[in-house]
């Protein structure tokens, strides 16, 4: 067996283990929490009172206008100057959650606005309240519209978690860096890490297609 192939075989399980233990959980938790934040921000921007709407718009403006890497550095390396010290994983979780929250809020807001105004009027004519209309009429339709971009956000998040290595989270890319520091074979190890990220993304893309088809059939019933 060629030396480079033996190196990839020897390091594969170490990289995959770091991906399963840290990369995937970090992405899943960040996406779930970020989506919850995004929904709250979207509803605030659409229907909230003036001051809260302004705060929500300011949050989205700041997060979308600054690099994710800078946000992670501010949380992990900057907050200790203010007396707030966080471990690496919670710091990364907060950073990714805030980032996902801002971007997903725009997706959710756009999906809600895409539902024709006639749907609201029809629901009100049936005696539904605003919350009932949102829950039973607007939300199911907006979910289908938002599924593709939200799925893409999650797939991108899987890859973005590699940035957590800069704040010492022992995820997959950092595991590759550690092996490189011993073997001095950056090209082989980074290609292998890229292939594992590609494997994760391919599986998620397949699941996205199945989810979209399932939800489309559900709406057509």
N, C-alpha and C. Protein backbone atom coordinates (compact mmCIF):
# COMPACT_ATOMS: atom_id res chain seq x y z
N UNK A 1 0.85 -1.20 0.00
CA UNK A 1 0.00 0.00 0.00
C UNK A 1 0.89 1.26 0.00
N UNK A 2 0.60 2.22 -0.88
CA UNK A 2 1.39 3.46 -0.90
C UNK A 2 1.36 4.16 0.46
N UNK A 3 2.43 4.89 0.75
CA UNK A 3 2.54 5.54 2.05
C UNK A 3 1.41 6.55 2.28
N UNK A 4 1.05 7.29 1.20
CA UNK A 4 0.00 8.30 1.37
C UNK A 4 -1.35 7.66 1.66
N UNK A 5 -1.61 6.51 1.04
CA UNK A 5 -2.87 5.81 1.28
C UNK A 5 -2.90 5.21 2.68
N UNK A 6 -1.76 4.73 3.14
CA UNK A 6 -1.67 4.19 4.50
C UNK A 6 -1.91 5.29 5.52
N UNK A 7 -1.37 6.48 5.25
CA UNK A 7 -1.58 7.62 6.15
C UNK A 7 -3.06 7.99 6.22
N UNK A 8 -3.72 8.00 5.07
CA UNK A 8 -5.15 8.32 5.07
C UNK A 8 -5.95 7.26 5.81
N UNK A 9 -5.58 6.00 5.65
CA UNK A 9 -6.28 4.93 6.35
C UNK A 9 -6.08 5.04 7.85
N UNK A 10 -4.85 5.37 8.27
CA UNK A 10 -4.54 5.46 9.70
C UNK A 10 -5.25 6.64 10.36
N UNK A 11 -5.44 7.73 9.62
CA UNK A 11 -6.01 8.94 10.21
C UNK A 11 -7.52 9.04 10.02
N UNK A 12 -8.10 8.17 9.19
CA UNK A 12 -9.51 8.30 8.84
C UNK A 12 -10.41 8.26 10.07
N UNK A 13 -10.21 7.28 10.94
CA UNK A 13 -11.12 7.13 12.07
C UNK A 13 -10.93 8.26 13.09
N UNK A 14 -9.73 8.79 13.20
CA UNK A 14 -9.51 9.93 14.10
C UNK A 14 -10.28 11.15 13.60
N UNK A 15 -10.23 11.38 12.30
CA UNK A 15 -10.96 12.51 11.73
C UNK A 15 -12.46 12.30 11.82
N UNK A 16 -12.90 11.11 11.45
CA UNK A 16 -14.34 10.83 11.48
C UNK A 16 -14.88 10.90 12.90
N UNK A 17 -14.10 10.42 13.86
CA UNK A 17 -14.52 10.47 15.26
C UNK A 17 -14.68 11.91 15.73
N UNK A 18 -13.73 12.77 15.37
CA UNK A 18 -13.85 14.18 15.73
C UNK A 18 -15.06 14.81 15.07
N UNK A 19 -15.35 14.39 13.84
CA UNK A 19 -16.52 14.91 13.14
C UNK A 19 -17.82 14.50 13.81
N UNK A 20 -17.89 13.24 14.23
CA UNK A 20 -19.11 12.73 14.86
C UNK A 20 -19.28 13.30 16.27
N UNK A 21 -18.19 13.46 17.00
CA UNK A 21 -18.26 13.91 18.39
C UNK A 21 -18.45 15.42 18.52
N UNK A 22 -17.88 16.18 17.59
CA UNK A 22 -17.89 17.63 17.76
C UNK A 22 -18.51 18.37 16.57
N UNK A 23 -18.10 18.05 15.35
CA UNK A 23 -18.58 18.80 14.19
C UNK A 23 -20.09 18.68 14.02
N UNK A 24 -20.59 17.46 13.97
CA UNK A 24 -22.02 17.25 13.75
C UNK A 24 -22.87 17.76 14.92
N UNK A 25 -22.54 17.42 16.18
CA UNK A 25 -23.35 17.97 17.28
C UNK A 25 -23.33 19.49 17.33
N UNK A 26 -22.18 20.11 17.08
CA UNK A 26 -22.09 21.57 17.08
C UNK A 26 -22.99 22.16 16.00
N UNK A 27 -22.99 21.55 14.82
CA UNK A 27 -23.82 22.05 13.73
C UNK A 27 -25.30 21.86 14.04
N UNK A 28 -25.68 20.70 14.56
CA UNK A 28 -27.10 20.43 14.84
C UNK A 28 -27.63 21.36 15.93
N UNK A 29 -26.89 21.47 17.03
CA UNK A 29 -27.33 22.33 18.13
C UNK A 29 -27.40 23.79 17.68
N UNK A 30 -26.38 24.23 16.96
CA UNK A 30 -26.37 25.62 16.49
C UNK A 30 -27.53 25.90 15.55
N UNK A 31 -27.84 24.94 14.69
CA UNK A 31 -28.93 25.15 13.73
C UNK A 31 -30.28 25.19 14.44
N UNK A 32 -30.51 24.26 15.37
CA UNK A 32 -31.79 24.25 16.09
C UNK A 32 -32.00 25.53 16.88
N UNK A 33 -30.98 25.91 17.65
CA UNK A 33 -31.08 27.13 18.45
C UNK A 33 -31.14 28.36 17.55
N UNK A 34 -30.33 28.36 16.48
CA UNK A 34 -30.34 29.49 15.57
C UNK A 34 -31.66 29.64 14.85
N UNK A 35 -32.29 28.52 14.49
CA UNK A 35 -33.60 28.59 13.83
C UNK A 35 -34.65 29.15 14.78
N UNK A 36 -34.58 28.75 16.05
CA UNK A 36 -35.52 29.31 17.04
C UNK A 36 -35.33 30.82 17.17
N UNK A 37 -34.07 31.25 17.22
CA UNK A 37 -33.78 32.69 17.26
C UNK A 37 -34.27 33.36 15.98
N UNK A 38 -34.04 32.71 14.84
CA UNK A 38 -34.44 33.28 13.57
C UNK A 38 -35.94 33.47 13.45
N UNK A 39 -36.70 32.49 13.91
CA UNK A 39 -38.16 32.61 13.87
C UNK A 39 -38.62 33.77 14.75
N UNK A 40 -38.04 33.86 15.95
CA UNK A 40 -38.41 34.94 16.87
C UNK A 40 -38.06 36.30 16.27
N UNK A 41 -36.89 36.40 15.66
CA UNK A 41 -36.48 37.67 15.07
C UNK A 41 -37.36 38.02 13.88
N UNK A 42 -37.68 37.03 13.05
CA UNK A 42 -38.53 37.28 11.88
C UNK A 42 -39.91 37.78 12.30
N UNK A 43 -40.51 37.12 13.28
CA UNK A 43 -41.84 37.54 13.75
C UNK A 43 -41.78 38.92 14.39
N UNK A 44 -40.68 39.21 15.09
CA UNK A 44 -40.52 40.53 15.70
C UNK A 44 -40.42 41.61 14.63
N UNK A 45 -39.66 41.33 13.58
CA UNK A 45 -39.50 42.32 12.52
C UNK A 45 -40.79 42.54 11.74
N UNK A 46 -41.61 41.49 11.65
CA UNK A 46 -42.86 41.62 10.89
C UNK A 46 -44.00 42.21 11.72
N UNK A 47 -44.09 41.77 12.98
CA UNK A 47 -45.28 42.11 13.76
C UNK A 47 -44.98 42.73 15.12
N UNK A 48 -43.71 42.90 15.45
CA UNK A 48 -43.35 43.40 16.77
C UNK A 48 -43.54 44.91 16.90
N UNK A 49 -43.50 45.40 18.13
CA UNK A 49 -43.58 46.86 18.34
C UNK A 49 -42.30 47.54 17.86
N UNK A 50 -42.38 48.85 17.69
CA UNK A 50 -41.29 49.63 17.11
C UNK A 50 -39.91 49.40 17.71
N UNK A 51 -39.74 49.55 19.03
CA UNK A 51 -38.41 49.40 19.62
C UNK A 51 -37.82 47.99 19.43
N UNK A 52 -38.65 46.97 19.62
CA UNK A 52 -38.17 45.60 19.44
C UNK A 52 -37.84 45.33 17.98
N UNK A 53 -38.64 45.90 17.09
CA UNK A 53 -38.37 45.72 15.66
C UNK A 53 -37.02 46.34 15.30
N UNK A 54 -36.74 47.51 15.89
CA UNK A 54 -35.47 48.16 15.61
C UNK A 54 -34.30 47.33 16.13
N UNK A 55 -34.45 46.78 17.33
CA UNK A 55 -33.39 45.94 17.90
C UNK A 55 -33.15 44.70 17.04
N UNK A 56 -34.24 44.10 16.56
CA UNK A 56 -34.12 42.92 15.71
C UNK A 56 -33.39 43.26 14.40
N UNK A 57 -33.75 44.38 13.81
CA UNK A 57 -33.09 44.80 12.57
C UNK A 57 -31.62 45.11 12.81
N UNK A 58 -31.31 45.70 13.96
CA UNK A 58 -29.92 46.02 14.30
C UNK A 58 -29.11 44.74 14.46
N UNK A 59 -29.69 43.76 15.13
CA UNK A 59 -29.01 42.47 15.32
C UNK A 59 -28.69 41.81 13.98
N UNK A 60 -29.67 41.76 13.09
CA UNK A 60 -29.46 41.16 11.77
C UNK A 60 -28.40 41.93 11.00
N UNK A 61 -28.45 43.24 11.07
CA UNK A 61 -27.49 44.09 10.36
C UNK A 61 -26.06 43.83 10.83
N UNK A 62 -25.88 43.74 12.14
CA UNK A 62 -24.53 43.54 12.70
C UNK A 62 -24.00 42.15 12.34
N UNK A 63 -24.81 41.12 12.54
CA UNK A 63 -24.34 39.75 12.32
C UNK A 63 -24.07 39.50 10.83
N UNK A 64 -24.94 39.97 9.97
CA UNK A 64 -24.74 39.75 8.53
C UNK A 64 -23.61 40.62 7.98
N UNK A 65 -23.29 41.69 8.66
CA UNK A 65 -22.28 42.61 8.16
C UNK A 65 -20.88 42.38 8.70
N UNK A 66 -20.71 41.37 9.56
CA UNK A 66 -19.39 41.07 10.12
C UNK A 66 -19.04 39.61 9.86
N UNK A 67 -17.75 39.31 9.69
CA UNK A 67 -17.36 37.92 9.42
C UNK A 67 -17.62 37.00 10.61
N UNK A 68 -18.00 35.77 10.31
CA UNK A 68 -18.22 34.78 11.36
C UNK A 68 -16.96 34.55 12.17
N UNK A 69 -15.81 34.56 11.53
CA UNK A 69 -14.55 34.36 12.24
C UNK A 69 -14.33 35.44 13.28
N UNK A 70 -14.62 36.68 12.92
CA UNK A 70 -14.48 37.79 13.87
C UNK A 70 -15.45 37.62 15.04
N UNK A 71 -16.66 37.18 14.74
CA UNK A 71 -17.64 36.97 15.81
C UNK A 71 -17.16 35.91 16.81
N UNK A 72 -16.59 34.83 16.30
CA UNK A 72 -16.06 33.78 17.19
C UNK A 72 -14.91 34.32 18.04
N UNK A 73 -14.03 35.11 17.43
CA UNK A 73 -12.92 35.68 18.17
C UNK A 73 -13.42 36.63 19.27
N UNK A 74 -14.43 37.43 18.95
CA UNK A 74 -14.97 38.36 19.94
C UNK A 74 -15.55 37.61 21.14
N UNK A 75 -16.25 36.52 20.87
CA UNK A 75 -16.89 35.77 21.95
C UNK A 75 -15.87 35.03 22.79
N UNK A 76 -14.91 34.36 22.14
CA UNK A 76 -13.99 33.50 22.88
C UNK A 76 -12.79 34.27 23.44
N UNK A 77 -12.22 35.17 22.64
CA UNK A 77 -11.03 35.90 23.07
C UNK A 77 -11.33 37.30 23.59
N UNK A 78 -12.44 37.89 23.14
CA UNK A 78 -12.76 39.25 23.53
C UNK A 78 -13.51 39.37 24.83
N UNK A 79 -14.50 38.49 25.04
CA UNK A 79 -15.33 38.60 26.25
C UNK A 79 -14.55 38.45 27.56
N UNK A 80 -13.48 37.65 27.62
CA UNK A 80 -12.71 37.61 28.87
C UNK A 80 -12.22 38.97 29.34
N UNK A 81 -12.00 39.90 28.41
CA UNK A 81 -11.59 41.26 28.80
C UNK A 81 -12.70 41.98 29.55
N UNK A 82 -13.95 41.53 29.32
CA UNK A 82 -15.09 42.10 30.02
C UNK A 82 -15.50 41.26 31.22
N UNK A 83 -14.67 40.28 31.58
CA UNK A 83 -14.95 39.44 32.73
C UNK A 83 -15.83 38.25 32.45
N UNK A 84 -16.06 37.95 31.16
CA UNK A 84 -16.90 36.81 30.78
C UNK A 84 -16.03 35.79 30.06
N UNK A 85 -15.80 34.66 30.69
CA UNK A 85 -14.95 33.62 30.12
C UNK A 85 -15.79 32.39 29.80
N UNK A 86 -15.69 31.92 28.58
CA UNK A 86 -16.45 30.75 28.13
C UNK A 86 -15.50 29.68 27.64
N UNK A 87 -15.89 28.42 27.85
CA UNK A 87 -15.14 27.32 27.25
C UNK A 87 -15.31 27.36 25.74
N UNK A 88 -14.46 26.62 25.05
CA UNK A 88 -14.43 26.70 23.59
C UNK A 88 -15.75 26.26 22.95
N UNK A 89 -16.28 25.12 23.38
CA UNK A 89 -17.49 24.62 22.73
C UNK A 89 -18.68 25.54 22.96
N UNK A 90 -18.97 25.99 24.21
CA UNK A 90 -20.08 26.94 24.39
C UNK A 90 -19.88 28.24 23.61
N UNK A 91 -18.64 28.71 23.53
CA UNK A 91 -18.37 29.93 22.77
C UNK A 91 -18.69 29.73 21.30
N UNK A 92 -18.27 28.59 20.76
CA UNK A 92 -18.58 28.29 19.36
C UNK A 92 -20.07 28.14 19.15
N UNK A 93 -20.74 27.49 20.08
CA UNK A 93 -22.18 27.29 19.98
C UNK A 93 -22.92 28.63 19.96
N UNK A 94 -22.52 29.54 20.82
CA UNK A 94 -23.15 30.86 20.85
C UNK A 94 -22.88 31.60 19.54
N UNK A 95 -21.63 31.55 19.08
CA UNK A 95 -21.29 32.25 17.86
C UNK A 95 -22.05 31.75 16.65
N UNK A 96 -22.10 30.43 16.48
CA UNK A 96 -22.81 29.86 15.34
C UNK A 96 -24.31 30.07 15.46
N UNK A 97 -24.84 29.99 16.68
CA UNK A 97 -26.27 30.21 16.89
C UNK A 97 -26.67 31.62 16.49
N UNK A 98 -25.91 32.60 16.94
CA UNK A 98 -26.22 33.99 16.59
C UNK A 98 -26.12 34.21 15.09
N UNK A 99 -25.13 33.59 14.46
CA UNK A 99 -24.95 33.75 13.03
C UNK A 99 -26.09 33.11 12.25
N UNK A 100 -26.42 31.87 12.61
CA UNK A 100 -27.54 31.19 11.95
C UNK A 100 -28.85 31.92 12.20
N UNK A 101 -29.02 32.45 13.40
CA UNK A 101 -30.24 33.17 13.73
C UNK A 101 -30.50 34.35 12.82
N UNK A 102 -29.44 35.10 12.52
CA UNK A 102 -29.60 36.28 11.66
C UNK A 102 -29.97 35.88 10.24
N UNK A 103 -29.26 34.90 9.69
CA UNK A 103 -29.52 34.51 8.31
C UNK A 103 -30.85 33.77 8.16
N UNK A 104 -31.17 32.90 9.12
CA UNK A 104 -32.43 32.16 9.03
C UNK A 104 -33.63 33.08 9.24
N UNK A 105 -33.44 34.17 9.99
CA UNK A 105 -34.55 35.11 10.18
C UNK A 105 -34.97 35.73 8.86
N UNK A 106 -33.99 36.01 8.00
CA UNK A 106 -34.32 36.56 6.69
C UNK A 106 -35.04 35.53 5.82
N UNK A 107 -34.62 34.27 5.94
CA UNK A 107 -35.29 33.21 5.18
C UNK A 107 -36.73 33.05 5.64
N UNK A 108 -36.94 33.00 6.95
CA UNK A 108 -38.28 32.83 7.50
C UNK A 108 -39.16 34.03 7.17
N UNK A 109 -38.60 35.20 7.32
CA UNK A 109 -39.37 36.42 7.02
C UNK A 109 -39.80 36.45 5.55
N UNK A 110 -38.88 36.11 4.66
CA UNK A 110 -39.22 36.07 3.25
C UNK A 110 -40.26 35.02 2.94
N UNK A 111 -40.19 33.87 3.62
CA UNK A 111 -41.16 32.80 3.39
C UNK A 111 -42.56 33.22 3.84
N UNK A 112 -42.63 33.90 4.97
CA UNK A 112 -43.93 34.36 5.46
C UNK A 112 -44.52 35.40 4.51
N UNK A 113 -43.66 36.31 4.06
CA UNK A 113 -44.14 37.36 3.15
C UNK A 113 -44.54 36.81 1.79
N UNK A 114 -44.04 35.62 1.45
CA UNK A 114 -44.36 35.03 0.15
C UNK A 114 -45.78 34.47 0.09
N UNK A 115 -46.39 34.25 1.24
CA UNK A 115 -47.77 33.74 1.27
C UNK A 115 -48.71 34.88 0.88
N UNK A 116 -49.55 34.68 -0.11
CA UNK A 116 -50.43 35.75 -0.58
C UNK A 116 -51.30 36.32 0.53
N UNK A 117 -51.54 37.62 0.45
CA UNK A 117 -52.37 38.29 1.46
C UNK A 117 -53.78 37.72 1.50
N UNK A 118 -54.23 37.16 0.38
CA UNK A 118 -55.57 36.58 0.35
C UNK A 118 -55.73 35.42 1.32
N UNK A 119 -54.64 34.76 1.66
CA UNK A 119 -54.71 33.67 2.65
C UNK A 119 -55.10 34.21 4.02
N UNK A 120 -54.54 35.37 4.38
CA UNK A 120 -54.93 36.01 5.64
C UNK A 120 -56.41 36.39 5.62
N UNK A 121 -56.84 37.00 4.53
CA UNK A 121 -58.23 37.45 4.43
C UNK A 121 -59.19 36.26 4.49
N UNK A 122 -58.82 35.17 3.83
CA UNK A 122 -59.68 33.99 3.86
C UNK A 122 -59.79 33.42 5.27
N UNK A 123 -58.67 33.39 5.98
CA UNK A 123 -58.68 32.87 7.35
C UNK A 123 -59.50 33.76 8.27
N UNK A 124 -59.35 35.07 8.11
CA UNK A 124 -60.13 35.98 8.96
C UNK A 124 -61.62 35.87 8.66
N UNK A 125 -61.96 35.62 7.39
CA UNK A 125 -63.37 35.48 7.05
C UNK A 125 -63.99 34.24 7.69
N UNK A 126 -63.13 33.26 8.03
CA UNK A 126 -63.60 32.05 8.71
C UNK A 126 -63.61 32.21 10.22
N UNK A 127 -63.23 33.39 10.70
CA UNK A 127 -63.26 33.66 12.13
C UNK A 127 -61.98 33.30 12.86
N UNK A 128 -60.91 33.02 12.14
CA UNK A 128 -59.64 32.70 12.79
C UNK A 128 -59.00 33.95 13.36
N UNK A 129 -58.30 33.78 14.49
CA UNK A 129 -57.51 34.86 15.05
C UNK A 129 -56.16 34.93 14.34
N UNK A 130 -55.39 35.97 14.65
CA UNK A 130 -54.07 36.11 14.05
C UNK A 130 -53.16 34.92 14.33
N UNK A 131 -53.01 34.52 15.61
CA UNK A 131 -52.17 33.35 15.91
C UNK A 131 -52.67 32.06 15.25
N UNK A 132 -54.00 31.89 15.20
CA UNK A 132 -54.54 30.70 14.55
C UNK A 132 -54.24 30.70 13.05
N UNK A 133 -54.35 31.86 12.44
CA UNK A 133 -54.05 31.97 11.02
C UNK A 133 -52.58 31.65 10.75
N UNK A 134 -51.70 32.17 11.61
CA UNK A 134 -50.28 31.91 11.45
C UNK A 134 -49.98 30.42 11.59
N UNK A 135 -50.61 29.79 12.59
CA UNK A 135 -50.30 28.38 12.88
C UNK A 135 -50.86 27.44 11.83
N UNK A 136 -52.08 27.66 11.40
CA UNK A 136 -52.75 26.67 10.54
C UNK A 136 -52.73 27.01 9.06
N UNK A 137 -52.50 28.26 8.71
CA UNK A 137 -52.57 28.66 7.30
C UNK A 137 -51.21 29.14 6.78
N UNK A 138 -50.64 30.13 7.43
CA UNK A 138 -49.42 30.77 6.92
C UNK A 138 -48.19 29.90 7.17
N UNK A 139 -48.06 29.39 8.38
CA UNK A 139 -46.84 28.66 8.73
C UNK A 139 -46.63 27.40 7.87
N UNK A 140 -47.66 26.56 7.66
CA UNK A 140 -47.42 25.37 6.82
C UNK A 140 -46.96 25.70 5.41
N UNK A 141 -47.49 26.78 4.84
CA UNK A 141 -47.08 27.16 3.49
C UNK A 141 -45.68 27.76 3.47
N UNK A 142 -45.36 28.54 4.50
CA UNK A 142 -44.04 29.17 4.54
C UNK A 142 -42.94 28.15 4.83
N UNK A 143 -43.29 27.06 5.53
CA UNK A 143 -42.30 26.02 5.79
C UNK A 143 -41.78 25.43 4.49
N UNK A 144 -42.69 25.15 3.57
CA UNK A 144 -42.27 24.56 2.29
C UNK A 144 -41.38 25.52 1.51
N UNK A 145 -41.71 26.81 1.55
CA UNK A 145 -40.90 27.80 0.84
C UNK A 145 -39.51 27.91 1.46
N UNK A 146 -39.43 27.80 2.79
CA UNK A 146 -38.15 28.02 3.48
C UNK A 146 -37.29 26.77 3.56
N UNK A 147 -37.85 25.59 3.24
CA UNK A 147 -37.09 24.35 3.38
C UNK A 147 -35.78 24.34 2.58
N UNK A 148 -35.80 24.65 1.29
CA UNK A 148 -34.53 24.59 0.54
C UNK A 148 -33.46 25.54 1.07
N UNK A 149 -33.77 26.84 1.30
CA UNK A 149 -32.70 27.70 1.82
C UNK A 149 -32.25 27.35 3.23
N UNK A 150 -33.17 26.88 4.08
CA UNK A 150 -32.76 26.48 5.42
C UNK A 150 -31.89 25.23 5.38
N UNK A 151 -32.22 24.31 4.49
CA UNK A 151 -31.39 23.11 4.33
C UNK A 151 -30.00 23.49 3.85
N UNK A 152 -29.94 24.43 2.91
CA UNK A 152 -28.64 24.89 2.43
C UNK A 152 -27.85 25.57 3.54
N UNK A 153 -28.55 26.29 4.41
CA UNK A 153 -27.89 26.92 5.54
C UNK A 153 -27.28 25.88 6.46
N UNK A 154 -27.99 24.80 6.69
CA UNK A 154 -27.47 23.75 7.57
C UNK A 154 -26.26 23.06 6.95
N UNK A 155 -26.33 22.80 5.64
CA UNK A 155 -25.19 22.17 4.97
C UNK A 155 -23.98 23.09 5.02
N UNK A 156 -24.19 24.38 4.81
CA UNK A 156 -23.08 25.33 4.92
C UNK A 156 -22.54 25.38 6.34
N UNK A 157 -23.43 25.24 7.31
CA UNK A 157 -23.01 25.27 8.71
C UNK A 157 -22.08 24.12 9.03
N UNK A 158 -22.35 22.95 8.47
CA UNK A 158 -21.47 21.79 8.68
C UNK A 158 -20.04 22.16 8.28
N UNK A 159 -19.91 22.83 7.15
CA UNK A 159 -18.57 23.21 6.68
C UNK A 159 -18.01 24.37 7.49
N UNK A 160 -18.87 25.31 7.89
CA UNK A 160 -18.39 26.47 8.65
C UNK A 160 -17.87 26.09 10.04
N UNK A 161 -18.30 24.94 10.56
CA UNK A 161 -17.82 24.54 11.88
C UNK A 161 -16.31 24.34 11.90
N UNK A 162 -15.69 24.23 10.73
CA UNK A 162 -14.23 24.12 10.69
C UNK A 162 -13.57 25.37 11.28
N UNK A 163 -14.30 26.50 11.28
CA UNK A 163 -13.77 27.72 11.87
C UNK A 163 -13.63 27.60 13.39
N UNK A 164 -14.35 26.66 13.99
CA UNK A 164 -14.26 26.48 15.43
C UNK A 164 -12.86 26.04 15.86
N UNK A 165 -12.08 25.54 14.91
CA UNK A 165 -10.72 25.12 15.23
C UNK A 165 -9.88 26.30 15.71
N UNK A 166 -10.20 27.51 15.26
CA UNK A 166 -9.39 28.68 15.64
C UNK A 166 -9.62 29.08 17.09
N UNK A 167 -10.70 28.57 17.70
CA UNK A 167 -10.91 28.84 19.13
C UNK A 167 -10.79 27.54 19.93
N UNK A 168 -10.02 26.62 19.38
CA UNK A 168 -9.57 25.38 20.05
C UNK A 168 -10.66 24.33 20.27
N UNK A 169 -11.76 24.39 19.55
CA UNK A 169 -12.73 23.29 19.61
C UNK A 169 -12.14 22.11 18.85
N UNK A 170 -12.05 20.93 19.48
CA UNK A 170 -11.38 19.80 18.83
C UNK A 170 -12.24 19.09 17.79
N UNK A 171 -12.75 19.87 16.83
CA UNK A 171 -13.59 19.28 15.78
C UNK A 171 -12.69 18.69 14.70
N UNK A 172 -13.28 18.34 13.58
CA UNK A 172 -12.59 17.53 12.59
C UNK A 172 -11.38 18.25 11.97
N UNK A 173 -11.54 19.52 11.65
CA UNK A 173 -10.43 20.22 11.02
C UNK A 173 -9.26 20.38 11.98
N UNK A 174 -9.55 20.62 13.25
CA UNK A 174 -8.47 20.72 14.23
C UNK A 174 -7.78 19.37 14.41
N UNK A 175 -8.56 18.28 14.34
CA UNK A 175 -7.96 16.95 14.42
C UNK A 175 -6.99 16.74 13.26
N UNK A 176 -7.38 17.23 12.08
CA UNK A 176 -6.48 17.13 10.92
C UNK A 176 -5.22 17.95 11.15
N UNK A 177 -5.37 19.14 11.73
CA UNK A 177 -4.21 19.99 12.00
C UNK A 177 -3.24 19.31 12.97
N UNK A 178 -3.79 18.65 13.97
CA UNK A 178 -2.93 17.97 14.94
C UNK A 178 -2.15 16.83 14.29
N UNK A 179 -2.80 16.08 13.42
CA UNK A 179 -2.10 14.99 12.74
C UNK A 179 -1.04 15.55 11.80
N UNK A 180 -1.36 16.67 11.15
CA UNK A 180 -0.39 17.31 10.25
C UNK A 180 0.85 17.75 11.03
N UNK A 181 0.67 18.24 12.25
CA UNK A 181 1.81 18.69 13.04
C UNK A 181 2.77 17.56 13.39
N UNK A 182 2.29 16.31 13.29
CA UNK A 182 3.14 15.15 13.59
C UNK A 182 3.69 14.53 12.31
N UNK A 183 2.84 14.44 11.28
CA UNK A 183 3.23 13.74 10.05
C UNK A 183 3.86 14.65 9.01
N UNK A 184 3.60 15.96 9.11
CA UNK A 184 4.10 16.93 8.13
C UNK A 184 3.60 16.59 6.71
N UNK A 185 2.35 16.18 6.64
CA UNK A 185 1.72 15.86 5.35
C UNK A 185 0.40 16.64 5.22
N UNK A 186 0.49 17.98 5.09
CA UNK A 186 -0.74 18.78 5.07
C UNK A 186 -1.63 18.49 3.86
N UNK A 187 -1.03 18.27 2.70
CA UNK A 187 -1.85 18.07 1.50
C UNK A 187 -2.74 16.84 1.64
N UNK A 188 -2.18 15.74 2.07
CA UNK A 188 -2.94 14.49 2.18
C UNK A 188 -4.02 14.61 3.26
N UNK A 189 -3.65 15.15 4.42
CA UNK A 189 -4.60 15.21 5.54
C UNK A 189 -5.73 16.20 5.26
N UNK A 190 -5.41 17.33 4.65
CA UNK A 190 -6.46 18.31 4.38
C UNK A 190 -7.39 17.83 3.26
N UNK A 191 -6.85 17.10 2.30
CA UNK A 191 -7.71 16.49 1.28
C UNK A 191 -8.64 15.48 1.92
N UNK A 192 -8.12 14.68 2.83
CA UNK A 192 -8.96 13.69 3.50
C UNK A 192 -10.06 14.37 4.32
N UNK A 193 -9.69 15.44 5.03
CA UNK A 193 -10.71 16.18 5.80
C UNK A 193 -11.77 16.75 4.86
N UNK A 194 -11.33 17.28 3.71
CA UNK A 194 -12.28 17.82 2.74
C UNK A 194 -13.22 16.74 2.22
N UNK A 195 -12.69 15.54 2.00
CA UNK A 195 -13.52 14.45 1.52
C UNK A 195 -14.56 14.03 2.56
N UNK A 196 -14.20 14.08 3.83
CA UNK A 196 -15.17 13.73 4.88
C UNK A 196 -16.26 14.80 4.97
N UNK A 197 -15.85 16.07 4.88
CA UNK A 197 -16.85 17.14 4.82
C UNK A 197 -17.77 16.93 3.62
N UNK A 198 -17.19 16.56 2.49
CA UNK A 198 -17.99 16.30 1.28
C UNK A 198 -18.96 15.15 1.51
N UNK A 199 -18.52 14.12 2.23
CA UNK A 199 -19.39 12.99 2.53
C UNK A 199 -20.58 13.44 3.38
N UNK A 200 -20.30 14.23 4.42
CA UNK A 200 -21.38 14.75 5.27
C UNK A 200 -22.36 15.58 4.43
N UNK A 201 -21.83 16.46 3.58
CA UNK A 201 -22.68 17.34 2.79
C UNK A 201 -23.53 16.55 1.79
N UNK A 202 -22.95 15.49 1.22
CA UNK A 202 -23.69 14.67 0.27
C UNK A 202 -24.85 13.96 0.93
N UNK A 203 -24.61 13.41 2.11
CA UNK A 203 -25.68 12.74 2.85
C UNK A 203 -26.79 13.73 3.19
N UNK A 204 -26.41 14.92 3.64
CA UNK A 204 -27.41 15.92 4.02
C UNK A 204 -28.18 16.42 2.79
N UNK A 205 -27.51 16.55 1.66
CA UNK A 205 -28.21 16.96 0.43
C UNK A 205 -29.25 15.92 0.03
N UNK A 206 -28.90 14.65 0.18
CA UNK A 206 -29.85 13.58 -0.13
C UNK A 206 -31.04 13.63 0.82
N UNK A 207 -30.78 13.85 2.10
CA UNK A 207 -31.87 13.96 3.07
C UNK A 207 -32.74 15.18 2.79
N UNK A 208 -32.12 16.26 2.33
CA UNK A 208 -32.87 17.46 1.98
C UNK A 208 -33.86 17.17 0.85
N UNK A 209 -33.40 16.47 -0.18
CA UNK A 209 -34.29 16.13 -1.29
C UNK A 209 -35.46 15.28 -0.83
N UNK A 210 -35.19 14.29 0.02
CA UNK A 210 -36.26 13.43 0.51
C UNK A 210 -37.25 14.22 1.37
N UNK A 211 -36.74 15.12 2.20
CA UNK A 211 -37.61 15.92 3.06
C UNK A 211 -38.50 16.83 2.23
N UNK A 212 -37.95 17.46 1.21
CA UNK A 212 -38.74 18.35 0.36
C UNK A 212 -39.85 17.57 -0.37
N UNK A 213 -39.52 16.39 -0.88
CA UNK A 213 -40.52 15.59 -1.58
C UNK A 213 -41.61 15.11 -0.62
N UNK A 214 -41.20 14.72 0.60
CA UNK A 214 -42.18 14.27 1.60
C UNK A 214 -43.13 15.40 1.97
N UNK A 215 -42.58 16.60 2.20
CA UNK A 215 -43.42 17.72 2.61
C UNK A 215 -44.32 18.16 1.47
N UNK A 216 -43.84 18.07 0.22
CA UNK A 216 -44.66 18.43 -0.92
C UNK A 216 -45.85 17.49 -1.07
N UNK A 217 -45.61 16.19 -0.87
CA UNK A 217 -46.72 15.22 -0.91
C UNK A 217 -47.70 15.48 0.21
N UNK A 218 -47.20 15.88 1.37
CA UNK A 218 -48.07 16.15 2.52
C UNK A 218 -48.98 17.34 2.23
N UNK A 219 -48.45 18.36 1.58
CA UNK A 219 -49.26 19.53 1.27
C UNK A 219 -50.32 19.25 0.21
N UNK A 220 -50.02 18.30 -0.67
CA UNK A 220 -50.94 18.01 -1.77
C UNK A 220 -52.10 17.14 -1.34
N UNK A 221 -52.02 16.57 -0.13
CA UNK A 221 -53.13 15.72 0.33
C UNK A 221 -54.36 16.53 0.69
